[in-house]
Amino acid sequence: MTDEGRPGDVRGAWGCAALLLAMLLVIDGLSGDLNAPRAALWTALAALLFVTLLPPRVTAGPGWLTVRGLLREHSVRTDLLVSVRWSDGVAKRLVLRDLTGDQVVLDPRVLIASPALWHLFDAGARASLGRGTLLCGAAALRELSRCAEREVSRTVLKISGVDRRRPE
């Protein structure tokens, strides 16, 4: 199972990079300074923005989760998790480590926004709890589970028409 929201995020990254490139080329062209080296520089800058904004691909299956970035791929066995913790920093990241020492860092919103991914991850994490391999992170799992359940409830209410709140 793959992250359902990724195609939209990739389109957004392309759109931002294309908009930046267009703006830089137009401004440079209007000022009369546009030449081939400057156009190449602006293209490289737009490509750098795209690479920065490109979200990693998150896939999961029974007992495993993989995060594939631009250059690397990291996988963990969710049924053999040893620790689940929140990373410190501006952006909240979930750090998963398994019994073999493999580690994955991902944005928890990816799991929360995709019920199928969440289900696969949750089943593996519960297996880790049942086996007793999960030594650290039961509180982080509970918090993540509450967030996922809240999001599923919101989605069900919105689809059923019961939710009368304004769209966010």
Protein backbone atom coordinates (compact mmCIF):
# COMPACT_ATOMS: atom_id res chain seq x y z
CA MET A 1 0.00 0.00 0.00
CA THR A 2 1.32 3.45 -0.96
CA ASP A 3 0.61 6.89 0.51
CA GLU A 4 -2.59 8.16 -1.14
CA GLY A 5 -1.76 11.85 -0.78
CA ARG A 6 1.67 11.71 -2.41
CA PRO A 7 0.60 12.41 -6.03
CA GLY A 8 -0.97 15.70 -4.96
CA ASP A 9 2.15 16.61 -2.97
CA VAL A 10 4.36 15.86 -5.98
CA ARG A 11 2.13 18.04 -8.20
CA GLY A 12 2.39 20.80 -5.60
CA ALA A 13 6.20 20.55 -5.59
CA TRP A 14 6.26 20.70 -9.40
CA GLY A 15 3.88 23.66 -9.38
CA CYS A 16 5.98 25.64 -6.88
CA ALA A 17 9.19 24.94 -8.77
CA ALA A 18 7.61 25.84 -12.12
CA LEU A 19 6.12 29.04 -10.70
CA LEU A 20 9.48 30.08 -9.23
CA LEU A 21 11.25 29.38 -12.53
CA ALA A 22 8.64 31.31 -14.52
CA MET A 23 8.82 34.30 -12.17
CA LEU A 24 12.62 34.39 -12.23
CA LEU A 25 12.76 34.12 -16.03
CA VAL A 26 10.11 36.81 -16.53
CA ILE A 27 11.75 39.22 -14.08
CA ASP A 28 15.19 38.62 -15.57
CA GLY A 29 13.79 38.89 -19.10
CA LEU A 30 12.02 42.17 -18.37
CA SER A 31 15.17 43.64 -16.85
CA GLY A 32 17.14 42.69 -19.97
CA ASP A 33 19.67 40.56 -18.10
CA LEU A 34 18.46 37.12 -19.20
CA ASN A 35 21.10 34.99 -20.90
CA ALA A 36 21.84 31.27 -21.12
CA PRO A 37 23.99 31.02 -17.96
CA ARG A 38 21.41 32.92 -15.88
CA ALA A 39 18.57 30.79 -17.27
CA ALA A 40 20.56 27.67 -16.32
CA LEU A 41 21.10 29.10 -12.83
CA TRP A 42 17.37 29.82 -12.41
CA THR A 43 16.53 26.32 -13.68
CA ALA A 44 18.95 24.79 -11.19
CA LEU A 45 17.41 26.86 -8.39
CA ALA A 46 13.90 25.70 -9.36
CA ALA A 47 15.13 22.09 -9.49
CA LEU A 48 16.62 22.49 -6.00
CA LEU A 49 13.28 23.80 -4.74
CA PHE A 50 11.50 20.79 -6.28
CA VAL A 51 13.92 18.35 -4.64
CA THR A 52 13.46 20.11 -1.31
CA LEU A 53 9.67 20.00 -1.49
CA LEU A 54 9.40 16.46 -2.91
CA PRO A 55 7.84 14.23 -0.24
CA PRO A 56 9.24 10.76 0.37
CA ARG A 57 7.23 7.76 -0.84
CA VAL A 58 5.82 5.73 2.05
CA THR A 59 4.75 2.16 1.38
CA ALA A 60 3.66 -0.57 3.75
CA GLY A 61 2.65 -4.17 3.80
CA PRO A 62 1.92 -6.78 6.43
CA GLY A 63 4.73 -6.38 8.96
CA TRP A 64 6.85 -3.77 7.15
CA LEU A 65 7.02 -0.06 6.31
CA THR A 66 9.35 1.60 3.79
CA VAL A 67 10.20 5.27 3.28
CA ARG A 68 11.87 6.00 -0.06
CA GLY A 69 13.44 9.42 -0.42
CA LEU A 70 15.27 10.88 -3.37
CA LEU A 71 18.54 9.06 -2.74
CA ARG A 72 17.83 6.42 -0.10
CA GLU A 73 15.31 3.86 1.01
CA HIS A 74 14.78 2.85 4.63
CA SER A 75 12.61 0.00 5.89
CA VAL A 76 11.55 -1.34 9.26
CA ARG A 77 9.69 -4.40 10.37
CA THR A 78 6.60 -3.02 12.09
CA ASP A 79 5.94 -6.37 13.70
CA LEU A 80 9.38 -6.23 15.34
CA LEU A 81 9.47 -2.61 16.52
CA VAL A 82 11.72 -1.83 19.46
CA SER A 83 11.00 1.89 19.76
CA VAL A 84 8.55 4.48 18.49
CA ARG A 85 9.32 8.06 19.41
CA TRP A 86 8.73 11.64 18.35
CA SER A 87 11.79 13.50 17.10
CA ASP A 88 12.65 16.88 18.51
CA GLY A 89 12.47 19.79 16.16
CA VAL A 90 10.19 22.20 14.38
CA ALA A 91 8.43 19.56 12.28
CA LYS A 92 7.00 16.58 14.11
CA ARG A 93 8.59 13.37 12.88
CA LEU A 94 8.00 9.81 13.94
CA VAL A 95 11.13 7.71 14.44
CA LEU A 96 10.65 3.94 14.21
CA ARG A 97 13.39 1.43 15.06
CA ASP A 98 13.09 -2.34 14.73
CA LEU A 99 14.80 -5.33 16.32
CA THR A 100 17.40 -5.54 13.52
CA GLY A 101 18.50 -1.94 14.13
CA ASP A 102 16.87 -0.47 11.01
CA GLN A 103 15.33 2.96 11.44
CA VAL A 104 12.74 5.01 9.55
CA VAL A 105 11.87 8.67 10.06
CA LEU A 106 8.59 9.90 8.62
CA ASP A 107 5.94 12.55 8.89
CA PRO A 108 3.13 11.06 11.02
CA ARG A 109 0.53 12.91 8.93
CA VAL A 110 1.24 10.44 6.11
CA LEU A 111 -0.01 7.57 8.27
CA ILE A 112 -2.91 9.56 9.67
CA ALA A 113 -4.12 10.73 6.25
CA SER A 114 -4.11 7.25 4.71
CA PRO A 115 -6.39 4.76 6.48
CA ALA A 116 -4.94 1.80 4.58
CA LEU A 117 -1.35 2.71 5.55
CA TRP A 118 -2.46 3.35 9.11
CA HIS A 119 -4.16 -0.04 9.32
CA LEU A 120 -1.03 -1.87 8.14
CA PHE A 121 1.23 0.10 10.48
CA ASP A 122 -1.13 -0.30 13.45
CA ALA A 123 -1.44 -4.06 12.93
CA GLY A 124 2.36 -4.39 12.91
CA ALA A 125 2.77 -2.15 15.96
CA ARG A 126 0.17 -4.18 17.87
CA ALA A 127 2.06 -7.36 16.95
CA SER A 128 5.22 -5.77 18.39
CA LEU A 129 3.36 -4.94 21.59
CA GLY A 130 2.01 -8.47 21.76
CA ARG A 131 5.46 -10.02 21.27
CA GLY A 132 6.99 -7.74 23.85
CA THR A 133 9.63 -6.34 21.48
CA LEU A 134 8.35 -2.75 21.78
CA LEU A 135 10.41 -1.46 24.69
CA CYS A 136 9.94 2.28 24.22
CA GLY A 137 7.11 4.21 22.66
CA ALA A 138 3.77 2.92 23.89
CA ALA A 139 2.76 6.51 24.76
CA ALA A 140 3.81 7.76 21.30
CA LEU A 141 1.76 4.98 19.71
CA ARG A 142 -1.29 5.88 21.79
CA GLU A 143 -0.98 9.55 20.79
CA LEU A 144 -0.60 8.62 17.13
CA SER A 145 -3.55 6.24 17.39
CA ARG A 146 -5.76 8.97 18.87
CA CYS A 147 -4.82 11.32 16.03
CA ALA A 148 -5.57 8.66 13.41
CA GLU A 149 -8.92 7.76 15.00
CA ARG A 150 -9.88 11.44 15.21
CA GLU A 151 -9.07 11.90 11.51
CA VAL A 152 -11.07 8.80 10.51
CA SER A 153 -14.03 10.07 12.56
CA ARG A 154 -13.87 13.47 10.87
CA THR A 155 -13.77 11.85 7.47
CA VAL A 156 -16.75 9.61 8.23
CA LEU A 157 -18.77 12.56 9.54
CA LYS A 158 -17.87 14.68 6.54
CA ILE A 159 -18.78 11.96 4.05
CA SER A 160 -22.04 11.17 5.83
CA GLY A 161 -23.04 14.84 5.85
CA VAL A 162 -23.34 14.97 9.63
CA ASP A 163 -20.40 17.35 10.04
CA ARG A 164 -21.82 20.87 9.77
CA ARG A 165 -18.55 22.68 10.45
CA ARG A 166 -17.02 24.83 7.77
CA PRO A 167 -14.37 23.06 5.68
CA GLU A 168 -10.82 23.65 6.86
